[in-house]
């Protein structure tokens, strides 16, 4: 059998299977669709004992803004399987490499995307979701929110708002005005929103600021979720800070957010990217009144530019075979040896790289 293993990510639940890259289906051609290929290469230079490697894949769930087109494994020195959780739109490759072999693997994924926008000025009652499908995106029933700091802050921010859309917008605007992007935060941040509110330090990166939106929205009674993924191309909207500058995207991971409002369905938001524009868009440290900031602030409540690939909505992730704890979220490659978990935020020491290219649609 050839060394190449193929994995198929459609219609599975916590299972392994073989999968191959696919041509885009007919509905992906035209109408704003674009196709990307993402290649992740991993080599563990100092293995100790059995090595485990986990690589996130594009979401296996087809939506109106993203379609999975398959995944392919090359150069694998061990055994691999895919794990898929449809509830959290989660898919990843799980590899195990035996003692005495140099752990190496390359995963190539393809996905099609098109820009996503919800017209928040026009309710659409066709987007009704069942209460069962929304349950994972609300606070656990065992959580007592009566004296919770997140709940108190959510009630303060949304005071006077009676409609869920108004509550969601109030939370979004509060985050845009009151938080800041901290360039010194490692990776995408920790997402510890209670620490942020208790300490009063409202700085961080996307996994902090957008997690704050999600936590506050849930505490206000609205289903909400984090969306983890990676930027794959430059922005077509003239934002240097909101896209990639080369095919190398090893450090381009980005978390977004969604909130569910009954009359509109899932509304995409990204207050963290507004703060990114403020900090990083040339010449830097722009005021809230700047034209580019104002445009981003308006656009990022209700739309996402899809130069970004969604991985999953999963938090508190338990990787199969992992011995060194759960992940708060999963959008970086992970690896463990007998010595411990490798630092996913140090790709040079970990020895991994991620590249992306835009493909021509047939």
Protein backbone atom coordinates (compact mmCIF):
# COMPACT_ATOMS: atom_id res chain seq x y z
CA UNK A 1 0.00 0.00 0.00
CA UNK A 2 1.24 3.52 -0.81
CA UNK A 3 2.60 5.62 2.06
CA UNK A 4 -0.08 8.20 1.34
CA UNK A 5 -3.20 7.95 3.50
CA UNK A 6 -6.43 9.66 2.53
CA UNK A 7 -9.07 10.87 4.98
CA UNK A 8 -12.67 11.79 4.20
CA UNK A 9 -14.32 14.30 6.55
CA UNK A 10 -17.99 14.08 5.58
CA UNK A 11 -20.75 12.52 7.66
CA UNK A 12 -18.67 10.99 10.45
CA UNK A 13 -18.79 11.29 14.23
CA UNK A 14 -15.70 10.65 16.35
CA UNK A 15 -14.55 8.13 13.80
CA UNK A 16 -11.64 7.40 11.53
CA UNK A 17 -11.85 6.94 7.78
CA UNK A 18 -9.92 7.47 4.59
CA UNK A 19 -10.18 10.85 2.89
CA UNK A 20 -9.09 12.42 -0.39
CA UNK A 21 -8.87 15.83 -1.97
CA UNK A 22 -11.91 16.53 -4.11
CA UNK A 23 -12.82 18.78 -7.01
CA UNK A 24 -15.17 21.57 -5.91
CA UNK A 25 -18.86 20.65 -6.25
CA UNK A 26 -20.91 22.50 -8.83
CA UNK A 27 -22.37 24.96 -6.34
CA UNK A 28 -18.86 26.19 -5.45
CA UNK A 29 -18.15 27.55 -8.95
CA UNK A 30 -18.80 31.26 -9.36
CA UNK A 31 -21.05 33.45 -7.19
CA UNK A 32 -18.12 34.73 -5.17
CA UNK A 33 -16.65 31.36 -4.20
CA UNK A 34 -12.89 30.96 -3.91
CA UNK A 35 -10.88 27.83 -3.23
CA UNK A 36 -7.84 27.48 -0.97
CA UNK A 37 -5.27 24.78 -0.33
CA UNK A 38 -3.59 24.69 3.10
CA UNK A 39 -0.47 22.61 3.70
CA UNK A 40 0.78 21.81 7.21
CA UNK A 41 4.20 20.18 7.57
CA UNK A 42 5.39 18.81 10.91
CA UNK A 43 8.64 17.24 12.05
CA UNK A 44 9.45 16.50 15.70
CA UNK A 45 13.23 16.64 15.94
CA UNK A 46 13.70 15.29 19.47
CA UNK A 47 11.11 12.55 19.99
CA UNK A 48 10.95 10.72 23.29
CA UNK A 49 8.84 7.59 23.55
CA UNK A 50 5.67 7.49 21.46
CA UNK A 51 4.93 10.78 19.71
CA UNK A 52 1.36 12.03 19.22
CA UNK A 53 0.53 14.75 16.70
CA UNK A 54 -2.81 16.49 16.16
CA UNK A 55 -3.53 18.80 13.21
CA UNK A 56 -6.76 20.84 12.88
CA UNK A 57 -8.66 20.55 9.59
CA UNK A 58 -11.14 22.89 7.92
CA UNK A 59 -14.62 22.47 9.34
CA UNK A 60 -16.30 19.30 8.02
CA UNK A 61 -19.71 21.01 8.03
CA UNK A 62 -20.81 22.66 4.77
CA UNK A 63 -22.35 26.12 5.19
CA UNK A 64 -23.41 28.97 2.95
CA UNK A 65 -19.94 30.50 3.39
CA UNK A 66 -17.56 27.50 3.55
CA UNK A 67 -17.40 24.01 2.01
CA UNK A 68 -14.88 21.26 2.84
CA UNK A 69 -13.14 19.81 -0.22
CA UNK A 70 -11.10 17.06 1.37
CA UNK A 71 -7.82 16.36 3.12
CA UNK A 72 -4.75 14.33 2.26
CA UNK A 73 -1.85 12.96 4.32
CA UNK A 74 1.66 12.60 2.90
CA UNK A 75 4.98 11.43 4.33
CA UNK A 76 3.50 9.91 7.45
CA UNK A 77 5.94 7.83 9.54
CA UNK A 78 3.25 6.40 11.81
CA UNK A 79 -0.50 5.74 11.80
CA UNK A 80 -3.25 8.33 11.53
CA UNK A 81 -7.00 8.73 11.78
CA UNK A 82 -9.43 11.61 11.58
CA UNK A 83 -11.63 12.58 14.49
CA UNK A 84 -14.83 14.45 13.71
CA UNK A 85 -17.39 16.03 16.01
CA UNK A 86 -20.29 17.39 13.97
CA UNK A 87 -21.80 19.33 16.91
CA UNK A 88 -18.73 21.52 17.21
CA UNK A 89 -17.88 21.38 13.46
CA UNK A 90 -14.56 19.90 14.54
CA UNK A 91 -12.22 17.74 12.45
CA UNK A 92 -8.57 16.91 12.96
CA UNK A 93 -5.90 14.38 12.08
CA UNK A 94 -4.59 12.34 15.01
CA UNK A 95 -1.19 10.70 14.41
CA UNK A 96 0.83 8.26 16.50
CA UNK A 97 4.49 7.55 15.75
CA UNK A 98 6.28 4.65 17.40
CA UNK A 99 9.53 4.80 19.35
CA UNK A 100 12.59 4.88 17.11
CA UNK A 101 10.99 6.65 14.16
CA UNK A 102 11.35 10.35 13.30
CA UNK A 103 7.84 11.83 13.56
CA UNK A 104 6.97 13.51 10.26
CA UNK A 105 3.66 14.25 8.59
CA UNK A 106 2.25 16.60 5.95
CA UNK A 107 -1.47 17.34 5.71
CA UNK A 108 -2.96 19.08 2.66
CA UNK A 109 -6.51 20.44 2.97
CA UNK A 110 -8.78 22.22 0.54
CA UNK A 111 -11.83 24.32 1.26
CA UNK A 112 -14.00 26.79 -0.63
CA UNK A 113 -15.21 30.03 0.91
CA UNK A 114 -17.23 33.09 0.02
CA UNK A 115 -17.80 36.29 1.97
CA UNK A 116 -20.48 36.06 4.61
CA UNK A 117 -23.00 38.78 5.45
CA UNK A 118 -26.24 38.97 7.43
CA UNK A 119 -28.42 42.01 6.79
CA UNK A 120 -29.27 43.02 10.36
CA UNK A 121 -31.70 45.62 9.02
CA UNK A 122 -33.95 42.90 7.55
CA UNK A 123 -35.21 40.11 9.80
CA UNK A 124 -35.44 36.68 8.17
CA UNK A 125 -37.66 34.31 10.14
CA UNK A 126 -36.61 31.37 7.97
CA UNK A 127 -33.49 30.96 10.12
CA UNK A 128 -35.20 29.20 13.02
CA UNK A 129 -33.02 26.70 14.91
CA UNK A 130 -34.27 24.10 17.36
CA UNK A 131 -33.72 24.65 21.07
CA UNK A 132 -31.80 21.36 21.14
CA UNK A 133 -29.32 22.53 18.49
CA UNK A 134 -28.73 25.78 20.39
CA UNK A 135 -28.18 24.15 23.77
CA UNK A 136 -24.38 23.68 23.39
CA UNK A 137 -24.00 27.42 22.92
CA UNK A 138 -25.71 28.53 26.13
CA UNK A 139 -24.26 28.44 29.68
CA UNK A 140 -24.45 25.01 31.31
CA UNK A 141 -27.65 24.60 33.32
CA UNK A 142 -25.56 23.80 36.40
CA UNK A 143 -23.92 27.26 36.35
CA UNK A 144 -25.45 29.70 38.85
CA UNK A 145 -25.36 33.07 37.11
CA UNK A 146 -27.18 35.08 39.78
CA UNK A 147 -23.98 36.49 41.29
CA UNK A 148 -21.61 35.83 38.43
CA UNK A 149 -19.36 38.69 37.34
CA UNK A 150 -19.96 37.94 33.66
CA UNK A 151 -23.71 37.99 34.22
CA UNK A 152 -23.53 41.26 36.13
CA UNK A 153 -21.48 42.90 33.41
CA UNK A 154 -23.81 41.58 30.69
CA UNK A 155 -26.86 43.02 32.47
CA UNK A 156 -25.07 46.34 32.91
CA UNK A 157 -24.14 46.56 29.24
CA UNK A 158 -27.56 45.54 27.92
CA UNK A 159 -29.64 47.57 30.40
CA UNK A 160 -32.57 49.13 28.52
CA UNK A 161 -32.28 46.80 25.52
CA UNK A 162 -35.35 44.59 25.02
CA UNK A 163 -34.55 42.88 21.73
CA UNK A 164 -31.76 40.31 21.39
CA UNK A 165 -30.30 42.11 18.37
CA UNK A 166 -29.99 45.29 20.42
CA UNK A 167 -28.37 43.36 23.28
CA UNK A 168 -25.86 41.75 20.93
CA UNK A 169 -24.99 45.10 19.37
CA UNK A 170 -24.62 46.73 22.79
CA UNK A 171 -22.13 44.03 23.85
CA UNK A 172 -20.24 44.35 20.57
CA UNK A 173 -19.97 48.13 20.88
CA UNK A 174 -18.92 47.91 24.54
CA UNK A 175 -16.05 45.58 23.60
CA UNK A 176 -14.95 47.81 20.72
CA UNK A 177 -14.88 50.87 22.99
CA UNK A 178 -13.54 49.38 26.23
CA UNK A 179 -11.03 46.67 25.30
CA UNK A 180 -7.66 46.90 23.59
CA UNK A 181 -5.41 44.64 21.56
CA UNK A 182 -2.28 43.78 23.52
CA UNK A 183 0.59 43.04 21.12
CA UNK A 184 2.51 41.30 23.94
CA UNK A 185 -0.15 38.59 24.41
CA UNK A 186 1.19 35.20 23.29
CA UNK A 187 -0.55 33.58 20.36
CA UNK A 188 -4.23 34.42 20.26
CA UNK A 189 -4.64 34.70 24.04
CA UNK A 190 -6.12 32.47 26.74
CA UNK A 191 -9.80 33.47 26.67
CA UNK A 192 -9.98 33.82 30.48
CA UNK A 193 -12.81 36.34 30.54
CA UNK A 194 -13.44 36.15 34.29
CA UNK A 195 -9.85 37.17 34.93
CA UNK A 196 -10.27 40.05 32.48
CA UNK A 197 -13.40 41.34 34.21
CA UNK A 198 -12.16 40.75 37.77
CA UNK A 199 -8.77 42.36 37.16
CA UNK A 200 -10.09 45.15 34.98
CA UNK A 201 -7.40 44.36 32.42
CA UNK A 202 -9.42 44.19 29.20
CA UNK A 203 -6.45 43.70 26.90
CA UNK A 204 -5.61 40.65 24.82
CA UNK A 205 -5.98 39.22 21.34
CA UNK A 206 -8.76 37.58 19.37
CA UNK A 207 -9.31 34.55 21.64
CA UNK A 208 -9.67 36.96 24.57
CA UNK A 209 -11.76 39.77 23.11
CA UNK A 210 -14.10 37.60 21.05
CA UNK A 211 -14.42 35.11 23.93
CA UNK A 212 -15.52 38.08 26.04
CA UNK A 213 -18.25 38.80 23.49
CA UNK A 214 -19.37 35.16 23.56
CA UNK A 215 -19.41 34.97 27.37
CA UNK A 216 -21.34 38.21 27.76
CA UNK A 217 -23.85 37.26 25.05
CA UNK A 218 -24.50 33.89 26.70
CA UNK A 219 -24.85 35.53 30.10
CA UNK A 220 -27.45 37.86 28.54
CA UNK A 221 -29.43 34.81 27.42
CA UNK A 222 -28.33 34.51 23.78
CA UNK A 223 -26.65 31.47 22.21
CA UNK A 224 -23.12 32.42 21.14
CA UNK A 225 -19.93 30.63 20.16
CA UNK A 226 -16.28 31.16 19.29
CA UNK A 227 -15.20 30.27 15.75
CA UNK A 228 -11.56 29.19 15.48
CA UNK A 229 -9.64 29.24 12.21
CA UNK A 230 -6.78 30.71 10.21
CA UNK A 231 -6.30 33.58 7.74
CA UNK A 232 -5.29 32.33 4.29
CA UNK A 233 -5.12 35.36 2.00
CA UNK A 234 -4.76 39.15 1.91
CA UNK A 235 -7.83 41.25 2.63
CA UNK A 236 -9.66 42.48 -0.47
CA UNK A 237 -11.03 45.38 1.61
CA UNK A 238 -7.73 47.30 1.81
CA UNK A 239 -6.99 46.29 5.41
CA UNK A 240 -3.33 45.31 5.68
CA UNK A 241 -3.89 44.11 9.25
CA UNK A 242 -6.78 41.76 8.41
CA UNK A 243 -5.08 39.44 5.96
CA UNK A 244 -1.88 37.61 5.16
CA UNK A 245 1.11 39.14 3.43
CA UNK A 246 2.60 35.94 1.96
CA UNK A 247 1.74 32.25 1.43
CA UNK A 248 3.37 31.51 4.82
CA UNK A 249 0.50 31.50 7.37
CA UNK A 250 2.14 29.62 10.25
CA UNK A 251 1.19 32.39 12.70
CA UNK A 252 -2.05 33.55 11.07
CA UNK A 253 -4.54 31.79 13.38
CA UNK A 254 -7.59 33.89 14.20
CA UNK A 255 -10.69 33.47 16.37
CA UNK A 256 -14.06 34.99 15.47
CA UNK A 257 -17.51 34.87 17.09
CA UNK A 258 -21.18 34.29 16.32
CA UNK A 259 -24.38 35.12 18.18
CA UNK A 260 -27.79 33.60 17.50
CA UNK A 261 -30.76 35.95 17.21
CA UNK A 262 -34.04 34.25 16.39
CA UNK A 263 -35.14 36.64 13.64
CA UNK A 264 -31.76 36.54 11.88
CA UNK A 265 -30.10 33.20 12.64
CA UNK A 266 -26.40 33.11 13.41
CA UNK A 267 -24.87 36.58 13.10
CA UNK A 268 -21.10 36.75 12.48
CA UNK A 269 -19.18 39.34 14.49
CA UNK A 270 -15.55 40.20 15.14
CA UNK A 271 -14.98 43.05 17.62
CA UNK A 272 -11.39 41.83 18.12
CA UNK A 273 -10.56 42.70 14.53
CA UNK A 274 -11.83 46.25 15.05
CA UNK A 275 -9.24 46.59 17.83
CA UNK A 276 -6.64 45.02 15.52
CA UNK A 277 -7.37 47.67 12.90
CA UNK A 278 -6.97 50.36 15.57
CA UNK A 279 -3.60 49.06 16.72
CA UNK A 280 -2.02 47.77 13.52
CA UNK A 281 -3.50 49.49 10.48
CA UNK A 282 -0.92 51.99 9.18
CA UNK A 283 0.21 54.29 10.63
CA UNK A 284 -0.96 52.52 13.81
CA UNK A 285 -2.84 53.48 17.00
CA UNK A 286 -5.74 54.94 15.04
CA UNK A 287 -8.57 56.72 16.89
CA UNK A 288 -12.08 55.28 16.98
CA UNK A 289 -13.13 58.17 14.75
CA UNK A 290 -10.73 57.17 11.95
CA UNK A 291 -12.50 56.37 8.69
CA UNK A 292 -11.01 52.88 8.40
CA UNK A 293 -11.87 52.06 12.01
CA UNK A 294 -15.43 53.29 11.60
CA UNK A 295 -15.87 51.21 8.45
CA UNK A 296 -14.51 48.08 10.15
CA UNK A 297 -16.67 48.72 13.22
CA UNK A 298 -19.79 48.85 11.07
CA UNK A 299 -18.88 45.93 8.83
CA UNK A 300 -17.75 43.47 11.50
CA UNK A 301 -21.15 43.35 13.18
CA UNK A 302 -22.89 41.09 10.69
CA UNK A 303 -20.19 40.03 8.24
CA UNK A 304 -16.91 38.18 7.81
CA UNK A 305 -14.52 38.54 4.90
CA UNK A 306 -13.74 34.93 4.04
CA UNK A 307 -10.03 35.19 3.44
CA UNK A 308 -10.17 32.98 6.53
CA UNK A 309 -10.84 29.26 6.92
CA UNK A 310 -13.04 28.12 9.81
CA UNK A 311 -11.69 25.15 11.76
CA UNK A 312 -14.25 24.58 14.53
CA UNK A 313 -16.38 25.93 17.40
CA UNK A 314 -14.80 23.69 20.04
CA UNK A 315 -13.54 24.74 23.46
CA UNK A 316 -12.07 22.66 26.29
CA UNK A 317 -10.86 20.10 23.75
CA UNK A 318 -9.77 16.63 24.92
CA UNK A 319 -7.40 15.27 22.26
CA UNK A 320 -7.42 11.46 21.89
CA UNK A 321 -4.28 9.98 23.41
CA UNK A 322 -3.21 13.24 25.06
CA UNK A 323 -1.62 12.91 28.51
CA UNK A 324 -0.94 16.54 29.36
CA UNK A 325 -4.33 18.20 29.74
CA UNK A 326 -7.12 19.65 27.64
CA UNK A 327 -6.83 22.56 25.22
CA UNK A 328 -8.84 25.73 25.78
CA UNK A 329 -9.33 25.79 21.99
CA UNK A 330 -7.84 24.04 18.97
CA UNK A 331 -6.45 26.04 16.04
CA UNK A 332 -2.70 25.35 16.35
CA UNK A 333 -1.01 22.02 15.52
CA UNK A 334 -0.24 20.07 18.70
CA UNK A 335 2.29 17.38 19.59
CA UNK A 336 3.33 15.40 22.67
CA UNK A 337 6.27 13.17 23.46
CA UNK A 338 7.03 11.29 26.67
CA UNK A 339 8.66 14.53 27.90
CA UNK A 340 5.47 16.58 27.59
CA UNK A 341 3.48 18.74 25.19
CA UNK A 342 5.48 20.80 22.71
CA UNK A 343 4.97 24.56 22.64
CA UNK A 344 2.56 25.14 19.77
CA UNK A 345 3.37 28.87 19.83
CA UNK A 346 7.03 28.19 19.01
CA UNK A 347 6.80 26.66 15.51
CA UNK A 348 10.57 26.89 14.96
CA UNK A 349 11.35 24.71 17.99
CA UNK A 350 8.29 22.54 17.35
CA UNK A 351 9.32 22.46 13.65
CA UNK A 352 6.07 23.03 11.83
CA UNK A 353 4.98 25.31 9.01
CA UNK A 354 1.66 26.18 7.38
CA UNK A 355 1.23 27.60 3.89
CA UNK A 356 -1.82 28.53 1.83
CA UNK A 357 -2.53 29.20 -1.80
CA UNK A 358 -5.61 30.31 -3.69
CA UNK A 359 -6.62 27.84 -6.42
CA UNK A 360 -8.41 28.56 -9.67
CA UNK A 361 -12.01 27.36 -9.75
CA UNK A 362 -12.85 25.07 -12.64
